[in-house]
Amino acid sequence: MQTTEQTDLAQRLLDNDEQALDDVLRQFGPMVLVVLTRRYQSVLRETDIEDVISIGLFRLWTNRARFDRRKASLKVWFFRIVENAARDVLRHGWHKARWLEVSSDSALLGAIDASSNGHAKKTQYLPDAELRGSSDRAPTNLQLDLREIVAELPERHRHIVMADAAAKEGVASSKWLGAELGVPGSTVRVYRKRAMDRIRSELARRGHDVPGV
């Protein structure tokens, strides 16, 4: 990416252009992913590093006013932010260890299904008795795996996924979620995609049949 293009992109960030985040991810994301994968492959999975990049993107936006092109290019600055995020993850972990209690496993699976097909529909993964959330029935392996995977998501990703599960249309408003989380709507969309991709790939890895894999 040419210096003038980086300068223009940095100025868009300083001008509060949320769409600039998409361009930052497109332009710098692949390079950052490769470098961090080589550096942290022994301790972080590729999906973990992708989540770290999402955290870095959030920090880039919240600290955009501090960018000084006289000290570093936007690419270098973004890489430093993401690398610091990776170190924070290794130092503190993704979140305090705790189980996430979900009110409706079928709603969560429906949100995953909706994200693949562009609209909400009743999930076909669980029998009707389990769709009703019968309290006298032991959780299935799918439910247990789903809860574990969601609990391991970064906090903001988990918040978005659960909001989607509760939404009537299958996907919650990115604008309103952004206001709740203090991030741009475009960042919410990035977080949502990362979260859904992570959930699908982990469910598939554990032997479950899921859409979009």
N, C-alpha and C. Protein backbone atom coordinates (compact mmCIF):
# COMPACT_ATOMS: atom_id res chain seq x y z
N MET A 1 0.86 -1.20 0.00
CA MET A 1 0.00 0.00 0.00
C MET A 1 0.88 1.24 0.00
N GLN A 2 0.66 2.15 -0.93
CA GLN A 2 1.48 3.35 -1.05
C GLN A 2 1.28 4.27 0.15
N THR A 3 2.33 5.09 0.41
CA THR A 3 2.30 6.00 1.55
C THR A 3 1.13 6.96 1.46
N THR A 4 0.88 7.47 0.26
CA THR A 4 -0.23 8.42 0.10
C THR A 4 -1.57 7.76 0.41
N GLU A 5 -1.71 6.47 0.04
CA GLU A 5 -2.96 5.76 0.31
C GLU A 5 -3.13 5.55 1.82
N GLN A 6 -2.02 5.23 2.50
CA GLN A 6 -2.08 5.07 3.95
C GLN A 6 -2.44 6.39 4.62
N THR A 7 -1.89 7.48 4.09
CA THR A 7 -2.18 8.80 4.64
C THR A 7 -3.66 9.12 4.48
N ASP A 8 -4.20 8.82 3.31
CA ASP A 8 -5.63 9.06 3.07
C ASP A 8 -6.50 8.22 4.00
N LEU A 9 -6.09 6.95 4.19
CA LEU A 9 -6.85 6.07 5.06
C LEU A 9 -6.79 6.55 6.50
N ALA A 10 -5.62 6.99 6.93
CA ALA A 10 -5.47 7.52 8.29
C ALA A 10 -6.34 8.76 8.48
N GLN A 11 -6.39 9.60 7.47
CA GLN A 11 -7.20 10.81 7.58
C GLN A 11 -8.68 10.47 7.68
N ARG A 12 -9.10 9.44 6.97
CA ARG A 12 -10.50 9.01 7.06
C ARG A 12 -10.84 8.55 8.48
N LEU A 13 -9.89 7.86 9.11
CA LEU A 13 -10.11 7.45 10.49
C LEU A 13 -10.23 8.68 11.40
N LEU A 14 -9.34 9.64 11.20
CA LEU A 14 -9.37 10.85 12.01
C LEU A 14 -10.64 11.65 11.76
N ASP A 15 -11.22 11.49 10.58
CA ASP A 15 -12.48 12.17 10.24
C ASP A 15 -13.70 11.36 10.66
N ASN A 16 -13.47 10.30 11.46
CA ASN A 16 -14.56 9.47 12.01
C ASN A 16 -15.33 8.71 10.94
N ASP A 17 -14.62 8.29 9.89
CA ASP A 17 -15.23 7.49 8.83
C ASP A 17 -15.17 6.02 9.22
N GLU A 18 -16.29 5.45 9.64
CA GLU A 18 -16.31 4.07 10.10
C GLU A 18 -15.93 3.08 9.00
N GLN A 19 -16.26 3.42 7.76
CA GLN A 19 -15.96 2.51 6.66
C GLN A 19 -14.46 2.33 6.46
N ALA A 20 -13.67 3.24 7.00
CA ALA A 20 -12.21 3.11 6.89
C ALA A 20 -11.72 1.86 7.60
N LEU A 21 -12.45 1.40 8.61
CA LEU A 21 -12.05 0.19 9.33
C LEU A 21 -12.09 -1.03 8.41
N ASP A 22 -13.09 -1.08 7.53
CA ASP A 22 -13.15 -2.18 6.58
C ASP A 22 -11.94 -2.18 5.67
N ASP A 23 -11.51 -0.99 5.26
CA ASP A 23 -10.34 -0.89 4.39
C ASP A 23 -9.06 -1.23 5.13
N VAL A 24 -8.98 -0.85 6.39
CA VAL A 24 -7.81 -1.22 7.21
C VAL A 24 -7.71 -2.73 7.30
N LEU A 25 -8.84 -3.39 7.56
CA LEU A 25 -8.84 -4.85 7.68
C LEU A 25 -8.49 -5.50 6.35
N ARG A 26 -9.01 -4.98 5.27
CA ARG A 26 -8.74 -5.55 3.95
C ARG A 26 -7.29 -5.35 3.53
N GLN A 27 -6.75 -4.16 3.80
CA GLN A 27 -5.40 -3.84 3.36
C GLN A 27 -4.32 -4.46 4.25
N PHE A 28 -4.52 -4.41 5.56
CA PHE A 28 -3.46 -4.82 6.48
C PHE A 28 -3.72 -6.17 7.15
N GLY A 29 -4.98 -6.60 7.18
CA GLY A 29 -5.32 -7.83 7.89
C GLY A 29 -4.53 -9.06 7.46
N PRO A 30 -4.44 -9.35 6.16
CA PRO A 30 -3.71 -10.55 5.72
C PRO A 30 -2.24 -10.53 6.15
N MET A 31 -1.58 -9.37 6.02
CA MET A 31 -0.18 -9.27 6.41
C MET A 31 -0.01 -9.48 7.91
N VAL A 32 -0.86 -8.85 8.69
CA VAL A 32 -0.78 -8.98 10.15
C VAL A 32 -1.05 -10.43 10.57
N LEU A 33 -2.01 -11.08 9.91
CA LEU A 33 -2.33 -12.47 10.22
C LEU A 33 -1.12 -13.37 9.99
N VAL A 34 -0.43 -13.18 8.87
CA VAL A 34 0.74 -14.00 8.55
C VAL A 34 1.85 -13.80 9.58
N VAL A 35 2.14 -12.54 9.89
CA VAL A 35 3.23 -12.25 10.82
C VAL A 35 2.93 -12.79 12.22
N LEU A 36 1.72 -12.56 12.71
CA LEU A 36 1.37 -13.02 14.05
C LEU A 36 1.29 -14.55 14.11
N THR A 37 0.85 -15.17 13.02
CA THR A 37 0.79 -16.63 12.99
C THR A 37 2.19 -17.22 13.14
N ARG A 38 3.15 -16.64 12.43
CA ARG A 38 4.52 -17.12 12.55
C ARG A 38 5.07 -16.90 13.96
N ARG A 39 4.69 -15.79 14.57
CA ARG A 39 5.25 -15.42 15.86
C ARG A 39 4.59 -16.17 17.02
N TYR A 40 3.29 -16.44 16.90
CA TYR A 40 2.56 -17.00 18.04
C TYR A 40 1.91 -18.36 17.73
N GLN A 41 2.35 -19.03 16.67
CA GLN A 41 1.69 -20.28 16.28
C GLN A 41 1.79 -21.37 17.34
N SER A 42 2.78 -21.28 18.22
CA SER A 42 2.93 -22.30 19.25
C SER A 42 1.96 -22.10 20.42
N VAL A 43 1.36 -20.92 20.53
CA VAL A 43 0.48 -20.63 21.67
C VAL A 43 -0.91 -20.16 21.28
N LEU A 44 -1.09 -19.71 20.05
CA LEU A 44 -2.40 -19.24 19.60
C LEU A 44 -2.77 -19.91 18.29
N ARG A 45 -4.02 -20.33 18.18
CA ARG A 45 -4.52 -20.87 16.92
C ARG A 45 -4.80 -19.73 15.94
N GLU A 46 -4.96 -20.10 14.67
CA GLU A 46 -5.22 -19.07 13.66
C GLU A 46 -6.51 -18.32 13.97
N THR A 47 -7.54 -19.05 14.44
CA THR A 47 -8.80 -18.38 14.78
C THR A 47 -8.61 -17.44 15.96
N ASP A 48 -7.73 -17.81 16.91
CA ASP A 48 -7.44 -16.92 18.03
C ASP A 48 -6.79 -15.63 17.53
N ILE A 49 -5.86 -15.77 16.58
CA ILE A 49 -5.16 -14.61 16.05
C ILE A 49 -6.13 -13.71 15.28
N GLU A 50 -7.07 -14.32 14.59
CA GLU A 50 -8.09 -13.52 13.89
C GLU A 50 -8.91 -12.71 14.89
N ASP A 51 -9.22 -13.31 16.03
CA ASP A 51 -9.95 -12.59 17.07
C ASP A 51 -9.10 -11.47 17.65
N VAL A 52 -7.80 -11.72 17.79
CA VAL A 52 -6.88 -10.69 18.27
C VAL A 52 -6.88 -9.51 17.30
N ILE A 53 -6.92 -9.79 16.00
CA ILE A 53 -6.96 -8.72 15.01
C ILE A 53 -8.23 -7.90 15.16
N SER A 54 -9.34 -8.56 15.47
CA SER A 54 -10.60 -7.84 15.70
C SER A 54 -10.48 -6.92 16.91
N ILE A 55 -9.82 -7.40 17.96
CA ILE A 55 -9.59 -6.56 19.14
C ILE A 55 -8.72 -5.37 18.75
N GLY A 56 -7.69 -5.64 17.96
CA GLY A 56 -6.81 -4.56 17.50
C GLY A 56 -7.57 -3.52 16.69
N LEU A 57 -8.50 -4.00 15.87
CA LEU A 57 -9.30 -3.07 15.06
C LEU A 57 -10.14 -2.17 15.96
N PHE A 58 -10.71 -2.75 17.01
CA PHE A 58 -11.49 -1.97 17.97
C PHE A 58 -10.61 -0.93 18.65
N ARG A 59 -9.40 -1.33 19.06
CA ARG A 59 -8.49 -0.39 19.73
C ARG A 59 -8.03 0.70 18.76
N LEU A 60 -7.83 0.33 17.52
CA LEU A 60 -7.43 1.33 16.52
C LEU A 60 -8.49 2.42 16.43
N TRP A 61 -9.75 2.02 16.42
CA TRP A 61 -10.83 3.00 16.30
C TRP A 61 -10.94 3.88 17.53
N THR A 62 -10.88 3.26 18.70
CA THR A 62 -11.06 4.03 19.93
C THR A 62 -9.88 4.96 20.21
N ASN A 63 -8.71 4.64 19.64
CA ASN A 63 -7.52 5.46 19.87
C ASN A 63 -7.07 6.21 18.63
N ARG A 64 -7.95 6.34 17.65
CA ARG A 64 -7.57 6.92 16.36
C ARG A 64 -7.02 8.34 16.48
N ALA A 65 -7.50 9.09 17.47
CA ALA A 65 -7.05 10.47 17.62
C ALA A 65 -5.58 10.55 18.03
N ARG A 66 -5.01 9.45 18.50
CA ARG A 66 -3.62 9.44 18.96
C ARG A 66 -2.65 9.11 17.84
N PHE A 67 -3.16 8.77 16.66
CA PHE A 67 -2.26 8.41 15.57
C PHE A 67 -1.43 9.62 15.13
N ASP A 68 -0.13 9.39 14.98
CA ASP A 68 0.79 10.44 14.55
C ASP A 68 1.63 9.89 13.41
N ARG A 69 1.35 10.32 12.21
CA ARG A 69 2.06 9.79 11.03
C ARG A 69 3.54 10.14 11.03
N ARG A 70 3.94 11.09 11.88
CA ARG A 70 5.37 11.44 11.96
C ARG A 70 6.15 10.36 12.71
N LYS A 71 5.46 9.56 13.51
CA LYS A 71 6.13 8.53 14.30
C LYS A 71 6.09 7.15 13.65
N ALA A 72 5.04 6.89 12.90
CA ALA A 72 4.92 5.58 12.27
C ALA A 72 3.82 5.63 11.21
N SER A 73 3.93 4.75 10.23
CA SER A 73 2.87 4.64 9.23
C SER A 73 1.65 3.99 9.87
N LEU A 74 0.50 4.10 9.22
CA LEU A 74 -0.72 3.50 9.74
C LEU A 74 -0.56 1.98 9.82
N LYS A 75 0.10 1.37 8.85
CA LYS A 75 0.30 -0.08 8.86
C LYS A 75 1.12 -0.52 10.07
N VAL A 76 2.22 0.19 10.32
CA VAL A 76 3.07 -0.15 11.46
C VAL A 76 2.32 0.07 12.77
N TRP A 77 1.59 1.18 12.85
CA TRP A 77 0.86 1.49 14.09
C TRP A 77 -0.19 0.44 14.36
N PHE A 78 -0.92 0.03 13.32
CA PHE A 78 -1.95 -1.00 13.48
C PHE A 78 -1.32 -2.31 13.92
N PHE A 79 -0.17 -2.66 13.33
CA PHE A 79 0.48 -3.90 13.73
C PHE A 79 0.90 -3.87 15.19
N ARG A 80 1.42 -2.73 15.64
CA ARG A 80 1.81 -2.62 17.04
C ARG A 80 0.62 -2.78 17.97
N ILE A 81 -0.51 -2.21 17.58
CA ILE A 81 -1.73 -2.31 18.39
C ILE A 81 -2.16 -3.77 18.49
N VAL A 82 -2.16 -4.47 17.35
CA VAL A 82 -2.59 -5.87 17.34
C VAL A 82 -1.62 -6.74 18.12
N GLU A 83 -0.33 -6.49 17.98
CA GLU A 83 0.66 -7.28 18.72
C GLU A 83 0.48 -7.08 20.22
N ASN A 84 0.21 -5.86 20.65
CA ASN A 84 -0.05 -5.61 22.07
C ASN A 84 -1.31 -6.34 22.53
N ALA A 85 -2.31 -6.41 21.64
CA ALA A 85 -3.53 -7.14 21.97
C ALA A 85 -3.23 -8.62 22.15
N ALA A 86 -2.37 -9.18 21.29
CA ALA A 86 -1.98 -10.59 21.42
C ALA A 86 -1.29 -10.84 22.75
N ARG A 87 -0.42 -9.94 23.13
CA ARG A 87 0.29 -10.08 24.41
C ARG A 87 -0.68 -9.99 25.59
N ASP A 88 -1.67 -9.12 25.48
CA ASP A 88 -2.66 -9.00 26.54
C ASP A 88 -3.46 -10.28 26.68
N VAL A 89 -3.82 -10.89 25.53
CA VAL A 89 -4.57 -12.14 25.56
C VAL A 89 -3.76 -13.23 26.24
N LEU A 90 -2.47 -13.31 25.91
CA LEU A 90 -1.61 -14.33 26.52
C LEU A 90 -1.41 -14.07 28.01
N ARG A 91 -1.41 -12.80 28.40
CA ARG A 91 -1.17 -12.45 29.79
C ARG A 91 -2.41 -12.65 30.66
N HIS A 92 -3.58 -12.28 30.13
CA HIS A 92 -4.79 -12.27 30.95
C HIS A 92 -5.83 -13.30 30.54
N GLY A 93 -5.73 -13.89 29.37
CA GLY A 93 -6.75 -14.81 28.90
C GLY A 93 -7.89 -14.06 28.25
N TRP A 94 -8.76 -14.80 27.55
CA TRP A 94 -9.86 -14.15 26.83
C TRP A 94 -10.84 -13.50 27.80
N HIS A 95 -11.10 -14.14 28.87
CA HIS A 95 -12.08 -13.61 29.82
C HIS A 95 -11.96 -14.41 31.11
N LYS A 96 -12.58 -13.95 32.16
CA LYS A 96 -12.60 -14.71 33.41
C LYS A 96 -13.38 -16.00 33.17
N ALA A 97 -12.79 -17.11 33.62
CA ALA A 97 -13.40 -18.41 33.35
C ALA A 97 -14.77 -18.50 34.01
N ARG A 98 -15.80 -18.74 33.20
CA ARG A 98 -17.14 -18.96 33.72
C ARG A 98 -18.01 -19.51 32.61
N TRP A 99 -19.02 -20.26 32.97
CA TRP A 99 -19.97 -20.79 31.99
C TRP A 99 -20.99 -19.72 31.64
N LEU A 100 -21.35 -19.69 30.37
CA LEU A 100 -22.40 -18.76 29.93
C LEU A 100 -23.72 -19.52 29.91
N GLU A 101 -24.66 -19.06 30.73
CA GLU A 101 -25.97 -19.69 30.74
C GLU A 101 -26.83 -19.06 29.64
N VAL A 102 -27.25 -19.86 28.69
CA VAL A 102 -28.08 -19.35 27.61
C VAL A 102 -29.52 -19.77 27.85
N SER A 103 -30.46 -18.88 27.57
CA SER A 103 -31.86 -19.15 27.83
C SER A 103 -32.47 -20.05 26.78
N SER A 104 -31.90 -20.06 25.58
CA SER A 104 -32.46 -20.89 24.52
C SER A 104 -31.36 -21.33 23.57
N ASP A 105 -30.98 -22.59 23.67
CA ASP A 105 -29.96 -23.11 22.75
C ASP A 105 -30.47 -23.11 21.32
N SER A 106 -31.79 -23.40 21.15
CA SER A 106 -32.34 -23.44 19.80
C SER A 106 -32.32 -22.06 19.17
N ALA A 107 -32.53 -20.99 19.96
CA ALA A 107 -32.48 -19.64 19.42
C ALA A 107 -31.07 -19.30 18.96
N LEU A 108 -30.09 -19.75 19.71
CA LEU A 108 -28.71 -19.48 19.33
C LEU A 108 -28.35 -20.21 18.05
N LEU A 109 -28.76 -21.47 17.95
CA LEU A 109 -28.52 -22.22 16.73
C LEU A 109 -29.28 -21.62 15.56
N GLY A 110 -30.47 -21.10 15.85
CA GLY A 110 -31.24 -20.43 14.80
C GLY A 110 -30.53 -19.19 14.29
N ALA A 111 -29.87 -18.45 15.19
CA ALA A 111 -29.12 -17.27 14.78
C ALA A 111 -27.96 -17.65 13.90
N ILE A 112 -27.30 -18.77 14.23
CA ILE A 112 -26.19 -19.25 13.40
C ILE A 112 -26.71 -19.63 12.02
N ASP A 113 -27.86 -20.31 12.00
CA ASP A 113 -28.48 -20.70 10.75
C ASP A 113 -28.85 -19.47 9.94
N ALA A 114 -29.43 -18.47 10.61
CA ALA A 114 -29.85 -17.24 9.93
C ALA A 114 -28.66 -16.52 9.32
N SER A 115 -27.54 -16.52 10.00
CA SER A 115 -26.37 -15.81 9.48
C SER A 115 -25.84 -16.46 8.22
N SER A 116 -26.13 -17.75 8.03
CA SER A 116 -25.68 -18.44 6.82
C SER A 116 -26.63 -18.20 5.66
N ASN A 117 -27.93 -18.09 5.98
CA ASN A 117 -28.94 -18.02 4.92
C ASN A 117 -29.52 -16.63 4.71
N GLY A 118 -29.13 -15.66 5.55
CA GLY A 118 -29.59 -14.30 5.37
C GLY A 118 -30.96 -14.02 5.96
N HIS A 119 -31.59 -15.01 6.57
CA HIS A 119 -32.88 -14.77 7.23
C HIS A 119 -33.06 -15.80 8.32
N ALA A 120 -33.96 -15.50 9.24
CA ALA A 120 -34.17 -16.40 10.37
C ALA A 120 -35.13 -17.52 9.98
N LYS A 121 -34.89 -18.70 10.51
CA LYS A 121 -35.84 -19.79 10.35
C LYS A 121 -35.66 -20.75 11.51
N LYS A 122 -36.66 -21.56 11.76
CA LYS A 122 -36.60 -22.49 12.87
C LYS A 122 -35.47 -23.48 12.64
N THR A 123 -34.63 -23.64 13.63
CA THR A 123 -33.53 -24.59 13.50
C THR A 123 -34.04 -26.02 13.52
N GLN A 124 -33.34 -26.90 12.81
CA GLN A 124 -33.73 -28.30 12.75
C GLN A 124 -32.77 -29.19 13.55
N TYR A 125 -31.91 -28.59 14.36
CA TYR A 125 -30.90 -29.38 15.04
C TYR A 125 -31.41 -30.15 16.23
N LEU A 126 -32.43 -29.66 16.91
CA LEU A 126 -32.88 -30.27 18.15
C LEU A 126 -34.32 -30.79 18.02
N PRO A 127 -34.65 -31.91 18.67
CA PRO A 127 -36.02 -32.40 18.69
C PRO A 127 -36.94 -31.37 19.33
N ASP A 128 -38.24 -31.48 19.03
CA ASP A 128 -39.20 -30.49 19.52
C ASP A 128 -39.18 -30.35 21.04
N ALA A 129 -39.02 -31.45 21.77
CA ALA A 129 -39.00 -31.38 23.23
C ALA A 129 -37.86 -30.52 23.71
N GLU A 130 -36.71 -30.60 23.03
CA GLU A 130 -35.56 -29.80 23.43
C GLU A 130 -35.70 -28.37 22.96
N LEU A 131 -36.40 -28.16 21.83
CA LEU A 131 -36.65 -26.80 21.38
C LEU A 131 -37.48 -26.04 22.40
N ARG A 132 -38.31 -26.76 23.15
CA ARG A 132 -39.14 -26.11 24.18
C ARG A 132 -38.34 -25.88 25.45
N GLY A 133 -37.08 -26.37 25.49
CA GLY A 133 -36.23 -26.13 26.64
C GLY A 133 -36.67 -26.89 27.87
N SER A 134 -37.11 -28.12 27.69
CA SER A 134 -37.57 -28.92 28.82
C SER A 134 -36.49 -29.02 29.88
N SER A 135 -36.84 -28.66 31.12
CA SER A 135 -35.86 -28.62 32.20
C SER A 135 -35.54 -30.00 32.75
N ASP A 136 -36.40 -31.02 32.44
CA ASP A 136 -36.16 -32.35 32.99
C ASP A 136 -35.36 -33.21 32.01
N ARG A 137 -34.83 -32.62 30.98
CA ARG A 137 -34.07 -33.37 29.99
C ARG A 137 -32.61 -32.93 30.05
N ALA A 138 -31.71 -33.89 30.09
CA ALA A 138 -30.29 -33.56 30.17
C ALA A 138 -29.84 -32.90 28.87
N PRO A 139 -28.92 -31.95 28.94
CA PRO A 139 -28.42 -31.28 27.73
C PRO A 139 -27.79 -32.29 26.78
N THR A 140 -27.99 -32.07 25.48
CA THR A 140 -27.37 -32.94 24.48
C THR A 140 -25.91 -32.55 24.31
N ASN A 141 -25.16 -33.40 23.62
CA ASN A 141 -23.76 -33.08 23.34
C ASN A 141 -23.65 -31.79 22.53
N LEU A 142 -24.60 -31.60 21.61
CA LEU A 142 -24.58 -30.38 20.81
C LEU A 142 -24.76 -29.15 21.69
N GLN A 143 -25.72 -29.22 22.61
CA GLN A 143 -25.95 -28.08 23.50
C GLN A 143 -24.73 -27.79 24.37
N LEU A 144 -24.14 -28.85 24.91
CA LEU A 144 -22.96 -28.66 25.75
C LEU A 144 -21.80 -28.06 24.97
N ASP A 145 -21.60 -28.57 23.75
CA ASP A 145 -20.51 -28.04 22.92
C ASP A 145 -20.78 -26.59 22.54
N LEU A 146 -22.03 -26.29 22.21
CA LEU A 146 -22.39 -24.93 21.83
C LEU A 146 -22.14 -23.95 22.97
N ARG A 147 -22.55 -24.33 24.17
CA ARG A 147 -22.36 -23.45 25.33
C ARG A 147 -20.87 -23.23 25.60
N GLU A 148 -20.10 -24.29 25.46
CA GLU A 148 -18.67 -24.16 25.72
C GLU A 148 -18.00 -23.25 24.69
N ILE A 149 -18.36 -23.43 23.43
CA ILE A 149 -17.76 -22.62 22.36
C ILE A 149 -18.12 -21.15 22.53
N VAL A 150 -19.40 -20.87 22.81
CA VAL A 150 -19.84 -19.48 22.99
C VAL A 150 -19.18 -18.87 24.22
N ALA A 151 -19.03 -19.64 25.28
CA ALA A 151 -18.41 -19.13 26.50
C ALA A 151 -16.96 -18.74 26.26
N GLU A 152 -16.31 -19.37 25.29
CA GLU A 152 -14.91 -19.11 25.02
C GLU A 152 -14.69 -17.95 24.05
N LEU A 153 -15.77 -17.41 23.49
CA LEU A 153 -15.63 -16.27 22.59
C LEU A 153 -15.19 -15.03 23.36
N PRO A 154 -14.49 -14.11 22.68
CA PRO A 154 -14.22 -12.81 23.31
C PRO A 154 -15.54 -12.16 23.73
N GLU A 155 -15.51 -11.35 24.76
CA GLU A 155 -16.74 -10.83 25.39
C GLU A 155 -17.64 -10.11 24.39
N ARG A 156 -17.08 -9.23 23.57
CA ARG A 156 -17.92 -8.48 22.63
C ARG A 156 -18.52 -9.39 21.56
N HIS A 157 -17.74 -10.36 21.11
CA HIS A 157 -18.27 -11.31 20.14
C HIS A 157 -19.44 -12.08 20.73
N ARG A 158 -19.29 -12.51 21.98
CA ARG A 158 -20.34 -13.26 22.65
C ARG A 158 -21.60 -12.41 22.82
N HIS A 159 -21.43 -11.14 23.16
CA HIS A 159 -22.56 -10.24 23.32
C HIS A 159 -23.35 -10.13 22.03
N ILE A 160 -22.65 -10.01 20.91
CA ILE A 160 -23.31 -9.87 19.61
C ILE A 160 -24.05 -11.15 19.24
N VAL A 161 -23.42 -12.29 19.45
CA VAL A 161 -24.05 -13.57 19.12
C VAL A 161 -25.33 -13.77 19.93
N MET A 162 -25.28 -13.46 21.23
CA MET A 162 -26.46 -13.65 22.06
C MET A 162 -27.56 -12.65 21.71
N ALA A 163 -27.16 -11.43 21.30
CA ALA A 163 -28.16 -10.45 20.87
C ALA A 163 -28.84 -10.92 19.59
N ASP A 164 -28.08 -11.52 18.68
CA ASP A 164 -28.66 -12.06 17.46
C ASP A 164 -29.64 -13.19 17.77
N ALA A 165 -29.27 -14.02 18.76
CA ALA A 165 -30.14 -15.14 19.13
C ALA A 165 -31.48 -14.65 19.67
N ALA A 166 -31.45 -13.50 20.33
CA ALA A 166 -32.68 -12.95 20.92
C ALA A 166 -33.49 -12.11 19.94
N ALA A 167 -32.88 -11.75 18.80
CA ALA A 167 -33.55 -10.86 17.85
C ALA A 167 -34.65 -11.59 17.09
N LYS A 168 -35.75 -10.90 16.85
CA LYS A 168 -36.88 -11.51 16.16
C LYS A 168 -36.54 -11.84 14.71
N GLU A 169 -35.71 -11.01 14.09
CA GLU A 169 -35.38 -11.20 12.68
C GLU A 169 -34.11 -12.02 12.47
N GLY A 170 -33.55 -12.55 13.52
CA GLY A 170 -32.39 -13.40 13.38
C GLY A 170 -31.07 -12.70 13.54
N VAL A 171 -31.02 -11.39 13.23
CA VAL A 171 -29.79 -10.61 13.38
C VAL A 171 -30.15 -9.28 14.03
N ALA A 172 -29.48 -8.96 15.12
CA ALA A 172 -29.73 -7.70 15.82
C ALA A 172 -29.13 -6.54 15.04
N SER A 173 -29.61 -5.34 15.31
CA SER A 173 -29.13 -4.14 14.63
C SER A 173 -27.67 -3.87 14.96
N SER A 174 -26.83 -3.80 13.92
CA SER A 174 -25.41 -3.50 14.13
C SER A 174 -25.24 -2.10 14.70
N LYS A 175 -26.12 -1.18 14.29
CA LYS A 175 -26.03 0.19 14.78
C LYS A 175 -26.25 0.24 16.28
N TRP A 176 -27.32 -0.42 16.76
CA TRP A 176 -27.63 -0.39 18.18
C TRP A 176 -26.61 -1.18 18.99
N LEU A 177 -26.15 -2.30 18.44
CA LEU A 177 -25.12 -3.06 19.14
C LEU A 177 -23.84 -2.25 19.26
N GLY A 178 -23.53 -1.50 18.20
CA GLY A 178 -22.35 -0.65 18.23
C GLY A 178 -22.45 0.40 19.32
N ALA A 179 -23.66 0.95 19.48
CA ALA A 179 -23.86 1.96 20.52
C ALA A 179 -23.69 1.35 21.91
N GLU A 180 -24.16 0.11 22.08
CA GLU A 180 -24.02 -0.57 23.37
C GLU A 180 -22.56 -0.88 23.70
N LEU A 181 -21.82 -1.29 22.68
CA LEU A 181 -20.44 -1.73 22.89
C LEU A 181 -19.43 -0.61 22.73
N GLY A 182 -19.88 0.54 22.23
CA GLY A 182 -18.97 1.66 22.03
C GLY A 182 -18.05 1.47 20.84
N VAL A 183 -18.56 0.79 19.79
CA VAL A 183 -17.77 0.57 18.57
C VAL A 183 -18.62 0.94 17.37
N PRO A 184 -18.00 1.17 16.21
CA PRO A 184 -18.78 1.45 15.00
C PRO A 184 -19.59 0.24 14.56
N GLY A 185 -20.65 0.50 13.82
CA GLY A 185 -21.47 -0.59 13.30
C GLY A 185 -20.68 -1.52 12.40
N SER A 186 -19.72 -0.98 11.65
CA SER A 186 -18.90 -1.81 10.78
C SER A 186 -18.06 -2.79 11.58
N THR A 187 -17.62 -2.37 12.76
CA THR A 187 -16.84 -3.26 13.62
C THR A 187 -17.72 -4.37 14.17
N VAL A 188 -18.98 -4.06 14.47
CA VAL A 188 -19.92 -5.09 14.92
C VAL A 188 -20.06 -6.16 13.85
N ARG A 189 -20.14 -5.75 12.59
CA ARG A 189 -20.27 -6.72 11.51
C ARG A 189 -19.02 -7.60 11.41
N VAL A 190 -17.86 -7.00 11.62
CA VAL A 190 -16.61 -7.78 11.62
C VAL A 190 -16.62 -8.78 12.76
N TYR A 191 -16.98 -8.31 13.95
CA TYR A 191 -17.02 -9.19 15.12
C TYR A 191 -18.02 -10.32 14.91
N ARG A 192 -19.18 -10.00 14.34
CA ARG A 192 -20.21 -11.01 14.12
C ARG A 192 -19.69 -12.11 13.20
N LYS A 193 -19.08 -11.72 12.10
CA LYS A 193 -18.57 -12.71 11.15
C LYS A 193 -17.50 -13.59 11.81
N ARG A 194 -16.59 -12.97 12.56
CA ARG A 194 -15.55 -13.75 13.23
C ARG A 194 -16.17 -14.74 14.21
N ALA A 195 -17.18 -14.26 14.98
CA ALA A 195 -17.81 -15.12 15.97
C ALA A 195 -18.53 -16.29 15.32
N MET A 196 -19.33 -16.00 14.28
CA MET A 196 -20.08 -17.06 13.62
C MET A 196 -19.16 -18.06 12.94
N ASP A 197 -18.11 -17.57 12.30
CA ASP A 197 -17.14 -18.47 11.67
C ASP A 197 -16.50 -19.37 12.71
N ARG A 198 -16.17 -18.79 13.87
CA ARG A 198 -15.55 -19.56 14.94
C ARG A 198 -16.50 -20.63 15.46
N ILE A 199 -17.75 -20.27 15.67
CA ILE A 199 -18.73 -21.23 16.18
C ILE A 199 -18.93 -22.36 15.19
N ARG A 200 -19.13 -22.02 13.92
CA ARG A 200 -19.36 -23.05 12.91
C ARG A 200 -18.18 -24.01 12.79
N SER A 201 -16.98 -23.45 12.72
CA SER A 201 -15.80 -24.29 12.55
C SER A 201 -15.58 -25.19 13.75
N GLU A 202 -15.84 -24.66 14.97
CA GLU A 202 -15.66 -25.47 16.17
C GLU A 202 -16.72 -26.56 16.27
N LEU A 203 -17.97 -26.25 15.92
CA LEU A 203 -19.01 -27.27 15.93
C LEU A 203 -18.69 -28.36 14.92
N ALA A 204 -18.25 -27.96 13.73
CA ALA A 204 -17.90 -28.95 12.71
C ALA A 204 -16.73 -29.81 13.16
N ARG A 205 -15.76 -29.18 13.80
CA ARG A 205 -14.57 -29.92 14.28
C ARG A 205 -14.96 -30.97 15.32
N ARG A 206 -16.06 -30.67 16.06
CA ARG A 206 -16.52 -31.60 17.09
C ARG A 206 -17.52 -32.60 16.55
N GLY A 207 -17.73 -32.61 15.23
CA GLY A 207 -18.56 -33.64 14.60
C GLY A 207 -20.00 -33.30 14.39
N HIS A 208 -20.38 -32.01 14.54
CA HIS A 208 -21.77 -31.61 14.34
C HIS A 208 -21.98 -31.08 12.91
N ASP A 209 -23.16 -31.34 12.37
CA ASP A 209 -23.50 -30.88 11.03
C ASP A 209 -24.08 -29.47 11.13
N VAL A 210 -23.37 -28.48 10.62
CA VAL A 210 -23.80 -27.09 10.71
C VAL A 210 -23.76 -26.45 9.35
N PRO A 211 -24.58 -25.40 9.12
CA PRO A 211 -24.57 -24.72 7.83
C PRO A 211 -23.32 -23.87 7.65
N GLY A 212 -22.96 -23.66 6.41
CA GLY A 212 -21.86 -22.76 6.10
C GLY A 212 -20.48 -23.36 6.30
N VAL A 213 -20.40 -24.68 6.55
CA VAL A 213 -19.10 -25.33 6.73
C VAL A 213 -18.90 -26.34 5.61
